[in-house]
Amino acid sequence: TADAPFRGVPFIVKDLNAALEGTPMSNGNRALRDANYVA
């Protein structure tokens, strides 16, 4: 891809409301964790 300001820098998002399509998210809640909720 064309250059971007932080191209390739590894990063994590908080497990609270920060939805990334196709990835799991629990908001720290055991029911969402156990249900394997995926945004």
Full PDB file with SEQRES, HELIX, SHEET, SSBOND, CRYST1, ORIGX, SCALE, CONECT and MASTER records, all heavy atoms in Angstrom:
SEQRES   1 A   39  THR ALA ASP ALA PRO PHE ARG GLY VAL PRO PHE ILE VAL          
SEQRES   2 A   39  LYS ASP LEU ASN ALA ALA LEU GLU GLY THR PRO MET SER          
SEQRES   3 A   39  ASN GLY ASN ARG ALA LEU ARG ASP ALA ASN TYR VAL ALA          
HELIX    1 AA1 ARG A   30  ASP A   34  1                                   5    
CRYST1    1.000    1.000    1.000  90.00  90.00  90.00 P 1           1          
ORIGX1      1.000000  0.000000  0.000000        0.00000                         
ORIGX2      0.000000  1.000000  0.000000        0.00000                         
ORIGX3      0.000000  0.000000  1.000000        0.00000                         
SCALE1      1.000000  0.000000  0.000000        0.00000                         
SCALE2      0.000000  1.000000  0.000000        0.00000                         
SCALE3      0.000000  0.000000  1.000000        0.00000                         
ATOM      1  N   THR A   1       0.829  -1.207   0.000  1.00  0.00           N  
ATOM      2  CA  THR A   1       0.000   0.000   0.000  1.00  0.00           C  
ATOM      3  C   THR A   1       0.860   1.250   0.000  1.00  0.00           C  
ATOM      4  O   THR A   1       2.049   1.214   0.323  1.00  0.00           O  
ATOM      5  CB  THR A   1      -0.918   0.022   1.236  1.00  0.00           C  
ATOM      6  OG1 THR A   1      -0.115  -0.006   2.423  1.00  0.00           O  
ATOM      7  CG2 THR A   1      -1.854  -1.157   1.234  1.00  0.00           C  
ATOM      8  N   ALA A   2       0.220   2.352  -0.361  1.00  0.00           N  
ATOM      9  CA  ALA A   2       0.898   3.641  -0.289  1.00  0.00           C  
ATOM     10  C   ALA A   2       1.242   3.949   1.157  1.00  0.00           C  
ATOM     11  O   ALA A   2       0.612   3.428   2.084  1.00  0.00           O  
ATOM     12  CB  ALA A   2      -0.008   4.727  -0.866  1.00  0.00           C  
ATOM     13  N   ASP A   3       2.242   4.796   1.329  1.00  0.00           N  
ATOM     14  CA  ASP A   3       2.694   5.088   2.684  1.00  0.00           C  
ATOM     15  C   ASP A   3       1.572   5.744   3.489  1.00  0.00           C  
ATOM     16  O   ASP A   3       0.748   6.486   2.965  1.00  0.00           O  
ATOM     17  CB  ASP A   3       3.915   6.000   2.641  1.00  0.00           C  
ATOM     18  CG  ASP A   3       4.765   5.870   3.888  1.00  0.00           C  
ATOM     19  OD1 ASP A   3       4.581   4.885   4.621  1.00  0.00           O  
ATOM     20  OD2 ASP A   3       5.604   6.757   4.113  1.00  0.00           O  
ATOM     21  N   ALA A   4       1.534   5.421   4.782  1.00  0.00           N  
ATOM     22  CA  ALA A   4       0.592   6.013   5.718  1.00  0.00           C  
ATOM     23  C   ALA A   4       1.381   6.389   6.964  1.00  0.00           C  
ATOM     24  O   ALA A   4       2.463   5.835   7.205  1.00  0.00           O  
ATOM     25  CB  ALA A   4      -0.521   5.014   6.058  1.00  0.00           C  
ATOM     26  N   PRO A   5       0.898   7.331   7.762  1.00  0.00           N  
ATOM     27  CA  PRO A   5       1.708   7.848   8.879  1.00  0.00           C  
ATOM     28  C   PRO A   5       2.250   6.772   9.818  1.00  0.00           C  
ATOM     29  O   PRO A   5       3.372   6.898  10.312  1.00  0.00           O  
ATOM     30  CB  PRO A   5       0.739   8.785   9.598  1.00  0.00           C  
ATOM     31  CG  PRO A   5      -0.263   9.182   8.575  1.00  0.00           C  
ATOM     32  CD  PRO A   5      -0.399   8.014   7.657  1.00  0.00           C  
ATOM     33  N   PHE A   6       1.451   5.725  10.073  1.00  0.00           N  
ATOM     34  CA  PHE A   6       1.880   4.681  11.003  1.00  0.00           C  
ATOM     35  C   PHE A   6       1.839   3.305  10.333  1.00  0.00           C  
ATOM     36  O   PHE A   6       1.493   2.313  10.969  1.00  0.00           O  
ATOM     37  CB  PHE A   6       1.009   4.714  12.256  1.00  0.00           C  
ATOM     38  CG  PHE A   6       1.273   5.909  13.141  1.00  0.00           C  
ATOM     39  CD1 PHE A   6       0.440   7.022  13.085  1.00  0.00           C  
ATOM     40  CD2 PHE A   6       2.360   5.922  13.987  1.00  0.00           C  
ATOM     41  CE1 PHE A   6       0.702   8.129  13.873  1.00  0.00           C  
ATOM     42  CE2 PHE A   6       2.629   7.030  14.782  1.00  0.00           C  
ATOM     43  CZ  PHE A   6       1.795   8.135  14.734  1.00  0.00           C  
ATOM     44  N   ARG A   7       2.254   3.266   9.090  1.00  0.00           N  
ATOM     45  CA  ARG A   7       2.164   2.024   8.323  1.00  0.00           C  
ATOM     46  C   ARG A   7       2.941   0.901   8.999  1.00  0.00           C  
ATOM     47  O   ARG A   7       4.141   0.981   9.209  1.00  0.00           O  
ATOM     48  CB  ARG A   7       2.686   2.238   6.902  1.00  0.00           C  
ATOM     49  CG  ARG A   7       2.543   1.008   6.004  1.00  0.00           C  
ATOM     50  CD  ARG A   7       2.717   1.373   4.544  1.00  0.00           C  
ATOM     51  NE  ARG A   7       4.084   1.752   4.236  1.00  0.00           N  
ATOM     52  CZ  ARG A   7       4.987   0.934   3.677  1.00  0.00           C  
ATOM     53  NH1 ARG A   7       4.652  -0.309   3.386  1.00  0.00           N  
ATOM     54  NH2 ARG A   7       6.195   1.372   3.412  1.00  0.00           N  
ATOM     55  N   GLY A   8       2.202  -0.166   9.363  1.00  0.00           N  
ATOM     56  CA  GLY A   8       2.817  -1.355   9.910  1.00  0.00           C  
ATOM     57  C   GLY A   8       3.088  -1.350  11.395  1.00  0.00           C  
ATOM     58  O   GLY A   8       3.567  -2.350  11.934  1.00  0.00           O  
ATOM     59  N   VAL A   9       2.806  -0.251  12.074  1.00  0.00           N  
ATOM     60  CA  VAL A   9       3.079  -0.195  13.517  1.00  0.00           C  
ATOM     61  C   VAL A   9       2.061  -1.066  14.254  1.00  0.00           C  
ATOM     62  O   VAL A   9       0.852  -0.893  14.088  1.00  0.00           O  
ATOM     63  CB  VAL A   9       3.022   1.253  14.036  1.00  0.00           C  
ATOM     64  CG1 VAL A   9       3.176   1.284  15.556  1.00  0.00           C  
ATOM     65  CG2 VAL A   9       4.108   2.090  13.369  1.00  0.00           C  
ATOM     66  N   PRO A  10       2.506  -2.017  15.086  1.00  0.00           N  
ATOM     67  CA  PRO A  10       1.570  -2.890  15.809  1.00  0.00           C  
ATOM     68  C   PRO A  10       0.813  -2.117  16.884  1.00  0.00           C  
ATOM     69  O   PRO A  10       1.370  -1.234  17.540  1.00  0.00           O  
ATOM     70  CB  PRO A  10       2.478  -3.957  16.421  1.00  0.00           C  
ATOM     71  CG  PRO A  10       3.835  -3.350  16.476  1.00  0.00           C  
ATOM     72  CD  PRO A  10       3.904  -2.384  15.331  1.00  0.00           C  
ATOM     73  N   PHE A  11      -0.453  -2.489  17.060  1.00  0.00           N  
ATOM     74  CA  PHE A  11      -1.360  -1.675  17.876  1.00  0.00           C  
ATOM     75  C   PHE A  11      -2.432  -2.592  18.433  1.00  0.00           C  
ATOM     76  O   PHE A  11      -2.771  -3.621  17.828  1.00  0.00           O  
ATOM     77  CB  PHE A  11      -1.999  -0.619  16.958  1.00  0.00           C  
ATOM     78  CG  PHE A  11      -2.730   0.509  17.643  1.00  0.00           C  
ATOM     79  CD1 PHE A  11      -2.042   1.495  18.319  1.00  0.00           C  
ATOM     80  CD2 PHE A  11      -4.116   0.602  17.564  1.00  0.00           C  
ATOM     81  CE1 PHE A  11      -2.715   2.559  18.908  1.00  0.00           C  
ATOM     82  CE2 PHE A  11      -4.797   1.657  18.142  1.00  0.00           C  
ATOM     83  CZ  PHE A  11      -4.093   2.648  18.820  1.00  0.00           C  
ATOM     84  N   ILE A  12      -2.948  -2.266  19.610  1.00  0.00           N  
ATOM     85  CA  ILE A  12      -4.122  -2.962  20.141  1.00  0.00           C  
ATOM     86  C   ILE A  12      -5.198  -1.950  20.471  1.00  0.00           C  
ATOM     87  O   ILE A  12      -4.906  -0.772  20.714  1.00  0.00           O  
ATOM     88  CB  ILE A  12      -3.796  -3.825  21.386  1.00  0.00           C  
ATOM     89  CG1 ILE A  12      -3.277  -2.949  22.535  1.00  0.00           C  
ATOM     90  CG2 ILE A  12      -2.820  -4.940  21.039  1.00  0.00           C  
ATOM     91  CD1 ILE A  12      -3.117  -3.711  23.846  1.00  0.00           C  
ATOM     92  N   VAL A  13      -6.439  -2.407  20.456  1.00  0.00           N  
ATOM     93  CA  VAL A  13      -7.567  -1.572  20.849  1.00  0.00           C  
ATOM     94  C   VAL A  13      -8.150  -2.104  22.153  1.00  0.00           C  
ATOM     95  O   VAL A  13      -8.032  -3.289  22.467  1.00  0.00           O  
ATOM     96  CB  VAL A  13      -8.659  -1.505  19.762  1.00  0.00           C  
ATOM     97  CG1 VAL A  13      -8.161  -0.708  18.567  1.00  0.00           C  
ATOM     98  CG2 VAL A  13      -9.116  -2.888  19.327  1.00  0.00           C  
ATOM     99  N   LYS A  14      -8.753  -1.237  22.893  1.00  0.00           N  
ATOM    100  CA  LYS A  14      -9.335  -1.594  24.177  1.00  0.00           C  
ATOM    101  C   LYS A  14     -10.541  -2.515  23.980  1.00  0.00           C  
ATOM    102  O   LYS A  14     -11.323  -2.339  23.038  1.00  0.00           O  
ATOM    103  CB  LYS A  14      -9.756  -0.310  24.892  1.00  0.00           C  
ATOM    104  CG  LYS A  14     -10.327  -0.476  26.293  1.00  0.00           C  
ATOM    105  CD  LYS A  14     -10.619   0.891  26.881  1.00  0.00           C  
ATOM    106  CE  LYS A  14     -11.234   0.804  28.261  1.00  0.00           C  
ATOM    107  NZ  LYS A  14     -11.468   2.162  28.837  1.00  0.00           N  
ATOM    108  N   ASP A  15     -10.691  -3.449  24.904  1.00  0.00           N  
ATOM    109  CA  ASP A  15     -11.837  -4.368  24.843  1.00  0.00           C  
ATOM    110  C   ASP A  15     -13.066  -3.694  25.445  1.00  0.00           C  
ATOM    111  O   ASP A  15     -13.643  -4.158  26.420  1.00  0.00           O  
ATOM    112  CB  ASP A  15     -11.506  -5.664  25.583  1.00  0.00           C  
ATOM    113  CG  ASP A  15     -12.595  -6.720  25.402  1.00  0.00           C  
ATOM    114  OD1 ASP A  15     -13.384  -6.606  24.443  1.00  0.00           O  
ATOM    115  OD2 ASP A  15     -12.662  -7.646  26.229  1.00  0.00           O  
ATOM    116  N   LEU A  16     -13.442  -2.578  24.849  1.00  0.00           N  
ATOM    117  CA  LEU A  16     -14.629  -1.845  25.284  1.00  0.00           C  
ATOM    118  C   LEU A  16     -15.077  -0.921  24.152  1.00  0.00           C  
ATOM    119  O   LEU A  16     -14.440   0.110  23.899  1.00  0.00           O  
ATOM    120  CB  LEU A  16     -14.343  -1.038  26.551  1.00  0.00           C  
ATOM    121  CG  LEU A  16     -15.535  -0.285  27.152  1.00  0.00           C  
ATOM    122  CD1 LEU A  16     -16.607  -1.257  27.629  1.00  0.00           C  
ATOM    123  CD2 LEU A  16     -15.100   0.613  28.310  1.00  0.00           C  
ATOM    124  N   ASN A  17     -16.112  -1.321  23.455  1.00  0.00           N  
ATOM    125  CA  ASN A  17     -16.777  -0.482  22.451  1.00  0.00           C  
ATOM    126  C   ASN A  17     -15.972  -0.241  21.172  1.00  0.00           C  
ATOM    127  O   ASN A  17     -16.549   0.253  20.195  1.00  0.00           O  
ATOM    128  CB  ASN A  17     -17.171   0.881  23.040  1.00  0.00           C  
ATOM    129  CG  ASN A  17     -18.140   0.749  24.195  1.00  0.00           C  
ATOM    130  OD1 ASN A  17     -19.090  -0.035  24.146  1.00  0.00           O  
ATOM    131  ND2 ASN A  17     -17.897   1.511  25.266  1.00  0.00           N  
ATOM    132  N   ALA A  18     -14.687  -0.550  21.160  1.00  0.00           N  
ATOM    133  CA  ALA A  18     -13.852  -0.253  19.989  1.00  0.00           C  
ATOM    134  C   ALA A  18     -14.024  -1.367  18.963  1.00  0.00           C  
ATOM    135  O   ALA A  18     -13.169  -2.244  18.809  1.00  0.00           O  
ATOM    136  CB  ALA A  18     -12.388  -0.104  20.397  1.00  0.00           C  
ATOM    137  N   ALA A  19     -15.125  -1.325  18.237  1.00  0.00           N  
ATOM    138  CA  ALA A  19     -15.461  -2.405  17.306  1.00  0.00           C  
ATOM    139  C   ALA A  19     -14.534  -2.399  16.101  1.00  0.00           C  
ATOM    140  O   ALA A  19     -14.308  -1.355  15.483  1.00  0.00           O  
ATOM    141  CB  ALA A  19     -16.908  -2.274  16.857  1.00  0.00           C  
ATOM    142  N   LEU A  20     -13.999  -3.576  15.768  1.00  0.00           N  
ATOM    143  CA  LEU A  20     -13.247  -3.809  14.537  1.00  0.00           C  
ATOM    144  C   LEU A  20     -13.903  -4.980  13.836  1.00  0.00           C  
ATOM    145  O   LEU A  20     -13.922  -6.096  14.360  1.00  0.00           O  
ATOM    146  CB  LEU A  20     -11.779  -4.123  14.844  1.00  0.00           C  
ATOM    147  CG  LEU A  20     -10.917  -4.540  13.639  1.00  0.00           C  
ATOM    148  CD1 LEU A  20     -10.838  -3.410  12.613  1.00  0.00           C  
ATOM    149  CD2 LEU A  20      -9.524  -4.944  14.094  1.00  0.00           C  
ATOM    150  N   GLU A  21     -14.482  -4.712  12.689  1.00  0.00           N  
ATOM    151  CA  GLU A  21     -15.287  -5.722  11.996  1.00  0.00           C  
ATOM    152  C   GLU A  21     -14.540  -7.050  11.857  1.00  0.00           C  
ATOM    153  O   GLU A  21     -13.389  -7.097  11.440  1.00  0.00           O  
ATOM    154  CB  GLU A  21     -15.685  -5.206  10.618  1.00  0.00           C  
ATOM    155  CG  GLU A  21     -16.627  -6.134   9.862  1.00  0.00           C  
ATOM    156  CD  GLU A  21     -17.098  -5.551   8.543  1.00  0.00           C  
ATOM    157  OE1 GLU A  21     -16.626  -4.456   8.171  1.00  0.00           O  
ATOM    158  OE2 GLU A  21     -17.947  -6.189   7.895  1.00  0.00           O  
ATOM    159  N   GLY A  22     -15.220  -8.120  12.243  1.00  0.00           N  
ATOM    160  CA  GLY A  22     -14.670  -9.453  12.104  1.00  0.00           C  
ATOM    161  C   GLY A  22     -13.807  -9.926  13.254  1.00  0.00           C  
ATOM    162  O   GLY A  22     -13.230 -11.006  13.191  1.00  0.00           O  
ATOM    163  N   THR A  23     -13.731  -9.136  14.328  1.00  0.00           N  
ATOM    164  CA  THR A  23     -12.907  -9.522  15.479  1.00  0.00           C  
ATOM    165  C   THR A  23     -13.770  -9.619  16.736  1.00  0.00           C  
ATOM    166  O   THR A  23     -14.791  -8.940  16.871  1.00  0.00           O  
ATOM    167  CB  THR A  23     -11.775  -8.510  15.732  1.00  0.00           C  
ATOM    168  OG1 THR A  23     -12.331  -7.257  16.150  1.00  0.00           O  
ATOM    169  CG2 THR A  23     -10.943  -8.312  14.484  1.00  0.00           C  
ATOM    170  N   PRO A  24     -13.352 -10.451  17.693  1.00  0.00           N  
ATOM    171  CA  PRO A  24     -14.137 -10.619  18.920  1.00  0.00           C  
ATOM    172  C   PRO A  24     -14.009  -9.419  19.851  1.00  0.00           C  
ATOM    173  O   PRO A  24     -13.014  -8.690  19.818  1.00  0.00           O  
ATOM    174  CB  PRO A  24     -13.522 -11.876  19.555  1.00  0.00           C  
ATOM    175  CG  PRO A  24     -12.123 -11.904  19.039  1.00  0.00           C  
ATOM    176  CD  PRO A  24     -12.179 -11.339  17.649  1.00  0.00           C  
ATOM    177  N   MET A  25     -15.024  -9.233  20.679  1.00  0.00           N  
ATOM    178  CA  MET A  25     -15.061  -8.139  21.643  1.00  0.00           C  
ATOM    179  C   MET A  25     -15.980  -8.560  22.785  1.00  0.00           C  
ATOM    180  O   MET A  25     -17.073  -9.066  22.545  1.00  0.00           O  
ATOM    181  CB  MET A  25     -15.571  -6.853  20.978  1.00  0.00           C  
ATOM    182  CG  MET A  25     -15.623  -5.636  21.892  1.00  0.00           C  
ATOM    183  SD  MET A  25     -16.021  -4.109  20.966  1.00  0.00           S  
ATOM    184  CE  MET A  25     -17.736  -4.419  20.506  1.00  0.00           C  
ATOM    185  N   SER A  26     -15.535  -8.366  24.028  1.00  0.00           N  
ATOM    186  CA  SER A  26     -16.358  -8.784  25.164  1.00  0.00           C  
ATOM    187  C   SER A  26     -16.812  -7.645  26.049  1.00  0.00           C  
ATOM    188  O   SER A  26     -17.679  -7.841  26.906  1.00  0.00           O  
ATOM    189  CB  SER A  26     -15.590  -9.802  26.027  1.00  0.00           C  
ATOM    190  OG  SER A  26     -14.634  -9.155  26.857  1.00  0.00           O  
ATOM    191  N   ASN A  27     -16.221  -6.449  25.918  1.00  0.00           N  
ATOM    192  CA  ASN A  27     -16.497  -5.337  26.839  1.00  0.00           C  
ATOM    193  C   ASN A  27     -16.269  -5.745  28.295  1.00  0.00           C  
ATOM    194  O   ASN A  27     -16.877  -5.200  29.208  1.00  0.00           O  
ATOM    195  CB  ASN A  27     -17.923  -4.807  26.646  1.00  0.00           C  
ATOM    196  CG  ASN A  27     -18.116  -4.140  25.301  1.00  0.00           C  
ATOM    197  OD1 ASN A  27     -17.149  -3.715  24.662  1.00  0.00           O  
ATOM    198  ND2 ASN A  27     -19.347  -4.054  24.836  1.00  0.00           N  
ATOM    199  N   GLY A  28     -15.384  -6.732  28.500  1.00  0.00           N  
ATOM    200  CA  GLY A  28     -15.093  -7.212  29.845  1.00  0.00           C  
ATOM    201  C   GLY A  28     -16.186  -8.062  30.459  1.00  0.00           C  
ATOM    202  O   GLY A  28     -16.130  -8.374  31.655  1.00  0.00           O  
ATOM    203  N   ASN A  29     -17.152  -8.480  29.663  1.00  0.00           N  
ATOM    204  CA  ASN A  29     -18.334  -9.188  30.154  1.00  0.00           C  
ATOM    205  C   ASN A  29     -18.236 -10.679  29.840  1.00  0.00           C  
ATOM    206  O   ASN A  29     -17.965 -11.063  28.704  1.00  0.00           O  
ATOM    207  CB  ASN A  29     -19.583  -8.582  29.511  1.00  0.00           C  
ATOM    208  CG  ASN A  29     -20.843  -9.361  29.804  1.00  0.00           C  
ATOM    209  OD1 ASN A  29     -21.327 -10.095  28.948  1.00  0.00           O  
ATOM    210  ND2 ASN A  29     -21.369  -9.218  31.002  1.00  0.00           N  
ATOM    211  N   ARG A  30     -18.491 -11.519  30.830  1.00  0.00           N  
ATOM    212  CA  ARG A  30     -18.326 -12.970  30.635  1.00  0.00           C  
ATOM    213  C   ARG A  30     -19.361 -13.544  29.672  1.00  0.00           C  
ATOM    214  O   ARG A  30     -19.066 -14.502  28.952  1.00  0.00           O  
ATOM    215  CB  ARG A  30     -18.370 -13.699  31.981  1.00  0.00           C  
ATOM    216  CG  ARG A  30     -19.612 -13.483  32.814  1.00  0.00           C  
ATOM    217  CD  ARG A  30     -19.550 -14.277  34.114  1.00  0.00           C  
ATOM    218  NE  ARG A  30     -20.680 -13.947  34.977  1.00  0.00           N  
ATOM    219  CZ  ARG A  30     -20.621 -13.046  35.957  1.00  0.00           C  
ATOM    220  NH1 ARG A  30     -19.486 -12.403  36.196  1.00  0.00           N  
ATOM    221  NH2 ARG A  30     -21.682 -12.786  36.695  1.00  0.00           N  
ATOM    222  N   ALA A  31     -20.576 -12.982  29.635  1.00  0.00           N  
ATOM    223  CA  ALA A  31     -21.597 -13.513  28.728  1.00  0.00           C  
ATOM    224  C   ALA A  31     -21.204 -13.268  27.271  1.00  0.00           C  
ATOM    225  O   ALA A  31     -21.337 -14.157  26.416  1.00  0.00           O  
ATOM    226  CB  ALA A  31     -22.953 -12.896  29.037  1.00  0.00           C  
ATOM    227  N   LEU A  32     -20.698 -12.064  26.960  1.00  0.00           N  
ATOM    228  CA  LEU A  32     -20.233 -11.788  25.603  1.00  0.00           C  
ATOM    229  C   LEU A  32     -19.013 -12.632  25.266  1.00  0.00           C  
ATOM    230  O   LEU A  32     -18.875 -13.123  24.142  1.00  0.00           O  
ATOM    231  CB  LEU A  32     -19.913 -10.303  25.440  1.00  0.00           C  
ATOM    232  CG  LEU A  32     -21.104  -9.353  25.292  1.00  0.00           C  
ATOM    233  CD1 LEU A  32     -20.618  -7.914  25.256  1.00  0.00           C  
ATOM    234  CD2 LEU A  32     -21.918  -9.671  24.050  1.00  0.00           C  
ATOM    235  N   ARG A  33     -18.127 -12.810  26.235  1.00  0.00           N  
ATOM    236  CA  ARG A  33     -16.961 -13.667  26.012  1.00  0.00           C  
ATOM    237  C   ARG A  33     -17.404 -15.093  25.669  1.00  0.00           C  
ATOM    238  O   ARG A  33     -16.947 -15.686  24.690  1.00  0.00           O  
ATOM    239  CB  ARG A  33     -16.085 -13.675  27.264  1.00  0.00           C  
ATOM    240  CG  ARG A  33     -14.854 -14.566  27.183  1.00  0.00           C  
ATOM    241  CD  ARG A  33     -14.399 -14.993  28.573  1.00  0.00           C  
ATOM    242  NE  ARG A  33     -15.422 -15.800  29.253  1.00  0.00           N  
ATOM    243  CZ  ARG A  33     -15.373 -16.142  30.540  1.00  0.00           C  
ATOM    244  NH1 ARG A  33     -14.362 -15.735  31.302  1.00  0.00           N  
ATOM    245  NH2 ARG A  33     -16.332 -16.875  31.078  1.00  0.00           N  
ATOM    246  N   ASP A  34     -18.305 -15.623  26.488  1.00  0.00           N  
ATOM    247  CA  ASP A  34     -18.734 -17.015  26.293  1.00  0.00           C  
ATOM    248  C   ASP A  34     -19.530 -17.196  25.002  1.00  0.00           C  
ATOM    249  O   ASP A  34     -19.531 -18.278  24.410  1.00  0.00           O  
ATOM    250  CB  ASP A  34     -19.559 -17.483  27.491  1.00  0.00           C  
ATOM    251  CG  ASP A  34     -18.736 -17.585  28.758  1.00  0.00           C  
ATOM    252  OD1 ASP A  34     -17.492 -17.543  28.672  1.00  0.00           O  
ATOM    253  OD2 ASP A  34     -19.337 -17.680  29.853  1.00  0.00           O  
ATOM    254  N   ALA A  35     -20.213 -16.132  24.575  1.00  0.00           N  
ATOM    255  CA  ALA A  35     -20.984 -16.201  23.333  1.00  0.00           C  
ATOM    256  C   ALA A  35     -20.105 -16.020  22.096  1.00  0.00           C  
ATOM    257  O   ALA A  35     -20.592 -16.114  20.965  1.00  0.00           O  
ATOM    258  CB  ALA A  35     -22.085 -15.143  23.348  1.00  0.00           C  
ATOM    259  N   ASN A  36     -18.811 -15.723  22.318  1.00  0.00           N  
ATOM    260  CA  ASN A  36     -17.884 -15.475  21.201  1.00  0.00           C  
ATOM    261  C   ASN A  36     -18.412 -14.391  20.271  1.00  0.00           C  
ATOM    262  O   ASN A  36     -18.405 -14.531  19.049  1.00  0.00           O  
ATOM    263  CB  ASN A  36     -17.614 -16.764  20.418  1.00  0.00           C  
ATOM    264  CG  ASN A  36     -16.916 -17.820  21.250  1.00  0.00           C  
ATOM    265  OD1 ASN A  36     -15.953 -17.515  21.954  1.00  0.00           O  
ATOM    266  ND2 ASN A  36     -17.416 -19.041  21.206  1.00  0.00           N  
ATOM    267  N   TYR A  37     -18.859 -13.292  20.892  1.00  0.00           N  
ATOM    268  CA  TYR A  37     -19.388 -12.176  20.099  1.00  0.00           C  
ATOM    269  C   TYR A  37     -18.309 -11.631  19.166  1.00  0.00           C  
ATOM    270  O   TYR A  37     -17.166 -11.386  19.578  1.00  0.00           O  
ATOM    271  CB  TYR A  37     -19.893 -11.061  21.017  1.00  0.00           C  
ATOM    272  CG  TYR A  37     -20.288  -9.821  20.255  1.00  0.00           C  
ATOM    273  CD1 TYR A  37     -21.521  -9.741  19.610  1.00  0.00           C  
ATOM    274  CD2 TYR A  37     -19.406  -8.753  20.139  1.00  0.00           C  
ATOM    275  CE1 TYR A  37     -21.871  -8.613  18.876  1.00  0.00           C  
ATOM    276  CE2 TYR A  37     -19.742  -7.622  19.414  1.00  0.00           C  
ATOM    277  CZ  TYR A  37     -20.980  -7.564  18.781  1.00  0.00           C  
ATOM    278  OH  TYR A  37     -21.313  -6.453  18.049  1.00  0.00           O  
ATOM    279  N   VAL A  38     -18.672 -11.418  17.911  1.00  0.00           N  
ATOM    280  CA  VAL A  38     -17.764 -10.856  16.909  1.00  0.00           C  
ATOM    281  C   VAL A  38     -18.417  -9.610  16.316  1.00  0.00           C  
ATOM    282  O   VAL A  38     -19.585  -9.646  15.898  1.00  0.00           O  
ATOM    283  CB  VAL A  38     -17.465 -11.881  15.792  1.00  0.00           C  
ATOM    284  CG1 VAL A  38     -16.654 -11.238  14.669  1.00  0.00           C  
ATOM    285  CG2 VAL A  38     -16.702 -13.072  16.376  1.00  0.00           C  
ATOM    286  N   ALA A  39     -17.688  -8.517  16.293  1.00  0.00           N  
ATOM    287  CA  ALA A  39     -18.232  -7.253  15.787  1.00  0.00           C  
ATOM    288  C   ALA A  39     -18.515  -7.350  14.294  1.00  0.00           C  
ATOM    289  O   ALA A  39     -17.703  -7.903  13.529  1.00  0.00           O  
ATOM    290  CB  ALA A  39     -17.249  -6.120  16.053  1.00  0.00           C  
TER     291      ALA A  39                                                      
MASTER        0    0    0    1    0    0    0    6  290    1    0    3          
END                                                                             
